[in-house]
């Protein structure tokens, strides 16, 4: 019983934390939440299209 409650709390706690993190990143905007925002000289959409072109 205690194990079930503990697992439930861990699962729901992690899900809640991920939702909060997602909402905070979505409020920052596209480029601010991008992991490459510090080294990116252009917009994130240009970086994504360049990466996709290089992958082909």
N, C-alpha and C. Protein backbone atom coordinates (compact mmCIF):
# COMPACT_ATOMS: atom_id res chain seq x y z
N UNK A 1 0.82 -1.19 0.00
CA UNK A 1 0.00 0.00 0.00
C UNK A 1 0.86 1.26 0.00
N UNK A 2 1.86 1.27 0.87
CA UNK A 2 2.75 2.43 0.95
C UNK A 2 3.55 2.58 -0.35
N UNK A 3 3.95 1.44 -0.93
CA UNK A 3 4.70 1.48 -2.19
C UNK A 3 3.83 2.05 -3.30
N UNK A 4 2.59 1.66 -3.36
CA UNK A 4 1.67 2.17 -4.38
C UNK A 4 1.46 3.68 -4.24
N UNK A 5 1.29 4.14 -3.04
CA UNK A 5 1.10 5.57 -2.80
C UNK A 5 2.37 6.33 -3.17
N UNK A 6 3.52 5.80 -2.79
CA UNK A 6 4.80 6.44 -3.11
C UNK A 6 5.00 6.53 -4.61
N UNK A 7 4.76 5.43 -5.32
CA UNK A 7 4.89 5.44 -6.78
C UNK A 7 3.92 6.41 -7.43
N UNK A 8 2.71 6.46 -6.93
CA UNK A 8 1.72 7.40 -7.45
C UNK A 8 2.16 8.84 -7.25
N UNK A 9 2.67 9.15 -6.07
CA UNK A 9 3.16 10.51 -5.80
C UNK A 9 4.35 10.87 -6.70
N UNK A 10 5.25 9.92 -6.90
CA UNK A 10 6.40 10.17 -7.76
C UNK A 10 5.95 10.42 -9.20
N UNK A 11 5.05 9.59 -9.70
CA UNK A 11 4.59 9.72 -11.08
C UNK A 11 3.83 11.03 -11.28
N UNK A 12 2.89 11.32 -10.41
CA UNK A 12 2.11 12.55 -10.55
C UNK A 12 2.95 13.79 -10.27
N UNK A 13 3.89 13.69 -9.36
CA UNK A 13 4.80 14.81 -9.10
C UNK A 13 5.66 15.13 -10.31
N UNK A 14 6.19 14.09 -10.94
CA UNK A 14 7.01 14.28 -12.14
C UNK A 14 6.18 14.85 -13.28
N UNK A 15 4.97 14.34 -13.46
CA UNK A 15 4.09 14.85 -14.52
C UNK A 15 3.76 16.32 -14.28
N UNK A 16 3.49 16.68 -13.05
CA UNK A 16 3.19 18.08 -12.72
C UNK A 16 4.40 18.98 -12.97
N UNK A 17 5.58 18.51 -12.58
CA UNK A 17 6.79 19.28 -12.79
C UNK A 17 7.06 19.48 -14.28
N UNK A 18 6.84 18.45 -15.08
CA UNK A 18 7.05 18.56 -16.53
C UNK A 18 6.06 19.54 -17.16
N UNK A 19 4.82 19.55 -16.67
CA UNK A 19 3.83 20.49 -17.19
C UNK A 19 4.23 21.93 -16.86
N UNK A 20 4.67 22.16 -15.63
CA UNK A 20 5.11 23.51 -15.24
C UNK A 20 6.30 23.95 -16.08
N UNK A 21 7.24 23.05 -16.28
CA UNK A 21 8.42 23.36 -17.09
C UNK A 21 8.03 23.67 -18.54
N UNK A 22 7.10 22.91 -19.08
CA UNK A 22 6.64 23.15 -20.45
C UNK A 22 5.95 24.51 -20.57
N UNK A 23 5.13 24.84 -19.61
CA UNK A 23 4.42 26.12 -19.64
C UNK A 23 5.40 27.28 -19.53
N UNK A 24 6.40 27.17 -18.66
CA UNK A 24 7.39 28.24 -18.52
C UNK A 24 8.18 28.42 -19.81
N UNK A 25 8.56 27.33 -20.47
CA UNK A 25 9.31 27.43 -21.72
C UNK A 25 8.45 27.99 -22.83
N UNK A 26 7.18 27.64 -22.86
CA UNK A 26 6.31 28.15 -23.92
C UNK A 26 6.05 29.65 -23.75
N UNK A 27 6.09 30.15 -22.52
CA UNK A 27 5.92 31.58 -22.28
C UNK A 27 7.15 32.37 -22.71
N UNK A 28 8.33 31.73 -22.74
CA UNK A 28 9.56 32.41 -23.12
C UNK A 28 9.58 32.73 -24.62
N UNK A 29 8.89 31.97 -25.39
CA UNK A 29 8.92 32.16 -26.84
C UNK A 29 9.77 31.11 -27.50
N UNK A 30 9.75 31.12 -28.80
CA UNK A 30 10.42 30.07 -29.56
C UNK A 30 11.93 30.09 -29.38
N UNK A 31 12.56 31.22 -29.63
CA UNK A 31 14.02 31.28 -29.57
C UNK A 31 14.58 31.30 -28.15
N UNK A 32 13.87 31.87 -27.22
CA UNK A 32 14.36 31.92 -25.84
C UNK A 32 14.40 30.54 -25.20
N UNK A 33 13.49 29.66 -25.60
CA UNK A 33 13.45 28.32 -25.04
C UNK A 33 14.34 27.35 -25.81
N UNK A 34 14.89 27.77 -26.93
CA UNK A 34 15.73 26.92 -27.76
C UNK A 34 17.06 26.67 -27.06
N UNK A 35 17.55 25.43 -27.06
CA UNK A 35 18.84 25.17 -26.41
C UNK A 35 20.02 25.84 -27.11
N UNK A 36 19.86 26.26 -28.36
CA UNK A 36 20.93 26.90 -29.11
C UNK A 36 20.86 28.42 -29.06
N UNK A 37 19.97 28.99 -28.24
CA UNK A 37 19.74 30.44 -28.27
C UNK A 37 20.99 31.26 -27.95
N UNK A 38 21.92 30.73 -27.20
CA UNK A 38 23.12 31.49 -26.85
C UNK A 38 24.12 31.55 -28.01
N UNK A 39 24.17 30.52 -28.82
CA UNK A 39 25.13 30.49 -29.91
C UNK A 39 24.50 30.75 -31.27
N UNK A 40 23.21 30.93 -31.31
CA UNK A 40 22.49 31.12 -32.57
C UNK A 40 22.58 32.58 -33.00
N UNK A 41 23.06 32.82 -34.23
CA UNK A 41 23.17 34.20 -34.69
C UNK A 41 21.91 34.66 -35.42
N UNK A 42 21.09 33.72 -35.88
CA UNK A 42 19.87 34.06 -36.59
C UNK A 42 18.66 33.61 -35.82
N UNK A 43 17.55 33.52 -36.51
CA UNK A 43 16.34 33.03 -35.84
C UNK A 43 16.39 31.52 -35.74
N UNK A 44 15.62 30.96 -34.86
CA UNK A 44 15.63 29.52 -34.66
C UNK A 44 15.11 28.77 -35.89
N UNK A 45 14.18 29.37 -36.62
CA UNK A 45 13.65 28.69 -37.80
C UNK A 45 14.73 28.54 -38.86
N UNK A 46 15.65 29.52 -38.95
CA UNK A 46 16.77 29.39 -39.89
C UNK A 46 17.70 28.28 -39.45
N UNK A 47 17.93 28.16 -38.15
CA UNK A 47 18.80 27.11 -37.63
C UNK A 47 18.20 25.75 -37.90
N UNK A 48 16.90 25.61 -37.69
CA UNK A 48 16.24 24.34 -37.93
C UNK A 48 16.29 23.97 -39.41
N UNK A 49 16.03 24.92 -40.30
CA UNK A 49 16.04 24.61 -41.72
C UNK A 49 17.46 24.30 -42.18
N UNK A 50 18.46 24.96 -41.62
CA UNK A 50 19.85 24.66 -41.97
C UNK A 50 20.22 23.26 -41.51
N UNK A 51 19.80 22.90 -40.31
CA UNK A 51 20.08 21.57 -39.80
C UNK A 51 19.41 20.50 -40.63
N UNK A 52 18.20 20.76 -41.05
CA UNK A 52 17.48 19.79 -41.87
C UNK A 52 18.14 19.65 -43.24
N UNK A 53 18.65 20.75 -43.80
CA UNK A 53 19.32 20.70 -45.10
C UNK A 53 20.62 19.91 -44.99
N UNK A 54 21.35 20.11 -43.90
CA UNK A 54 22.61 19.40 -43.70
C UNK A 54 22.39 17.91 -43.49
N UNK A 55 21.24 17.53 -42.93
CA UNK A 55 20.95 16.13 -42.67
C UNK A 55 20.63 15.37 -43.96
N UNK A 56 20.15 16.06 -44.97
CA UNK A 56 19.75 15.38 -46.21
C UNK A 56 20.91 14.93 -47.03
